[in-house]
């Protein structure tokens, strides 16, 4: 045993570690993309000299006030979607492990997120 849990063989433990590294990379990449987009949008806003921003709704990204507002909104969207992608990756991991209780919980989280977006009108 290598401390990963009862009954896990070396191949299963290696697969779990591989998927965990993928999930970590996904989270880091999502954070980097979000920060870069928000920083670029802010820089665009500063360079344009504008002091006003408009609220941008998820289902109306094309209606953003300016390109700077759109870039910043995309950064916020990337930041918001990063944990959702993590939950999806965990569904895959737990499905491979046949841990159906956690798959069910993760799917419930995904459904809750989707309902929240739809009820909140994006």
Protein backbone atom coordinates (compact mmCIF):
# COMPACT_ATOMS: atom_id res chain seq x y z
CA UNK A 1 0.00 0.00 0.00
CA UNK A 2 1.21 3.47 -0.77
CA UNK A 3 -1.29 5.44 1.29
CA UNK A 4 -3.74 6.19 -1.56
CA UNK A 5 -6.46 4.09 -0.03
CA UNK A 6 -7.35 0.52 0.73
CA UNK A 7 -7.14 -1.93 -2.15
CA UNK A 8 -5.59 0.39 -4.75
CA UNK A 9 -2.98 -1.25 -6.91
CA UNK A 10 0.02 0.66 -8.30
CA UNK A 11 -1.55 1.16 -11.74
CA UNK A 12 -4.72 2.64 -10.26
CA UNK A 13 -2.72 4.90 -7.96
CA UNK A 14 -0.62 6.10 -10.92
CA UNK A 15 -3.79 6.85 -12.90
CA UNK A 16 -5.25 8.80 -9.97
CA UNK A 17 -2.07 10.85 -9.64
CA UNK A 18 -2.03 11.51 -13.39
CA UNK A 19 -5.62 12.76 -13.36
CA UNK A 20 -4.92 14.87 -10.27
CA UNK A 21 -2.01 16.53 -12.09
CA UNK A 22 -4.28 17.21 -15.07
CA UNK A 23 -6.88 18.80 -12.77
CA UNK A 24 -4.19 20.95 -11.10
CA UNK A 25 -2.90 22.07 -14.49
CA UNK A 26 -6.44 22.90 -15.59
CA UNK A 27 -7.00 25.05 -12.51
CA UNK A 28 -3.71 26.89 -12.95
CA UNK A 29 -4.30 27.46 -16.66
CA UNK A 30 -7.80 28.77 -16.00
CA UNK A 31 -6.48 31.19 -13.41
CA UNK A 32 -3.69 32.42 -15.70
CA UNK A 33 -6.06 32.92 -18.64
CA UNK A 34 -8.54 34.80 -16.44
CA UNK A 35 -5.91 37.09 -14.94
CA UNK A 36 -4.35 37.83 -18.33
CA UNK A 37 -7.73 38.64 -19.89
CA UNK A 38 -8.75 40.90 -17.02
CA UNK A 39 -5.36 42.67 -17.02
CA UNK A 40 -5.48 43.21 -20.79
CA UNK A 41 -9.05 44.51 -20.56
CA UNK A 42 -8.08 46.87 -17.75
CA UNK A 43 -5.07 48.11 -19.72
CA UNK A 44 -7.30 48.70 -22.75
CA UNK A 45 -9.73 50.63 -20.56
CA UNK A 46 -6.95 52.78 -19.09
CA UNK A 47 -5.40 53.49 -22.51
CA UNK A 48 -8.79 54.50 -23.95
CA UNK A 49 -9.25 56.99 -21.11
CA UNK A 50 -12.73 55.74 -20.40
CA UNK A 51 -13.92 55.87 -16.82
CA UNK A 52 -17.17 54.01 -17.34
CA UNK A 53 -17.90 50.32 -17.65
CA UNK A 54 -21.11 48.54 -18.39
CA UNK A 55 -22.38 45.35 -16.85
CA UNK A 56 -22.16 42.43 -19.23
CA UNK A 57 -24.55 39.49 -19.01
CA UNK A 58 -23.43 35.98 -19.85
CA UNK A 59 -25.93 35.51 -22.65
CA UNK A 60 -25.26 39.00 -24.04
CA UNK A 61 -21.47 39.09 -24.29
CA UNK A 62 -21.76 40.58 -27.78
CA UNK A 63 -23.55 43.58 -26.30
CA UNK A 64 -20.54 44.64 -24.21
CA UNK A 65 -20.04 48.39 -24.07
CA UNK A 66 -16.53 48.32 -25.48
CA UNK A 67 -13.92 45.79 -26.46
CA UNK A 68 -12.21 46.42 -23.10
CA UNK A 69 -15.43 45.55 -21.27
CA UNK A 70 -15.77 42.39 -23.36
CA UNK A 71 -12.19 41.27 -22.63
CA UNK A 72 -12.65 41.85 -18.89
CA UNK A 73 -15.99 40.00 -18.97
CA UNK A 74 -14.32 37.06 -20.73
CA UNK A 75 -11.70 37.04 -17.96
CA UNK A 76 -14.38 36.87 -15.30
CA UNK A 77 -16.14 34.12 -17.29
CA UNK A 78 -12.90 32.12 -17.52
CA UNK A 79 -12.43 32.49 -13.78
CA UNK A 80 -15.99 31.36 -13.09
CA UNK A 81 -15.78 28.36 -15.43
CA UNK A 82 -12.49 27.03 -14.07
CA UNK A 83 -14.03 25.32 -11.00
CA UNK A 84 -16.85 23.96 -13.17
CA UNK A 85 -14.29 22.30 -15.44
CA UNK A 86 -12.67 20.84 -12.34
CA UNK A 87 -15.95 19.24 -11.30
CA UNK A 88 -16.33 17.77 -14.80
CA UNK A 89 -12.79 16.37 -14.61
CA UNK A 90 -13.59 14.85 -11.22
CA UNK A 91 -16.70 13.18 -12.67
CA UNK A 92 -14.41 11.47 -15.17
CA UNK A 93 -11.94 10.47 -12.45
CA UNK A 94 -14.59 9.12 -10.11
CA UNK A 95 -16.32 7.29 -12.96
CA UNK A 96 -13.07 5.49 -13.74
CA UNK A 97 -12.75 4.61 -10.06
CA UNK A 98 -16.40 3.48 -10.06
CA UNK A 99 -17.11 5.70 -7.07
CA UNK A 100 -20.71 6.32 -8.00
CA UNK A 101 -21.62 8.23 -4.85
CA UNK A 102 -19.10 10.98 -5.67
CA UNK A 103 -20.10 10.90 -9.36
CA UNK A 104 -23.68 11.54 -8.27
CA UNK A 105 -22.68 14.42 -6.01
CA UNK A 106 -20.52 16.00 -8.72
CA UNK A 107 -23.32 15.68 -11.28
CA UNK A 108 -25.70 17.29 -8.78
CA UNK A 109 -23.24 20.20 -8.48
CA UNK A 110 -23.10 20.56 -12.28
CA UNK A 111 -26.91 20.52 -12.55
CA UNK A 112 -27.14 23.10 -9.75
CA UNK A 113 -24.67 25.38 -11.55
CA UNK A 114 -26.60 25.08 -14.81
CA UNK A 115 -29.92 25.83 -13.10
CA UNK A 116 -28.38 28.83 -11.33
CA UNK A 117 -27.13 30.25 -14.63
CA UNK A 118 -30.49 29.74 -16.32
CA UNK A 119 -32.54 31.09 -13.41
CA UNK A 120 -30.21 34.05 -13.04
CA UNK A 121 -30.71 34.83 -16.75
CA UNK A 122 -26.94 34.82 -17.36
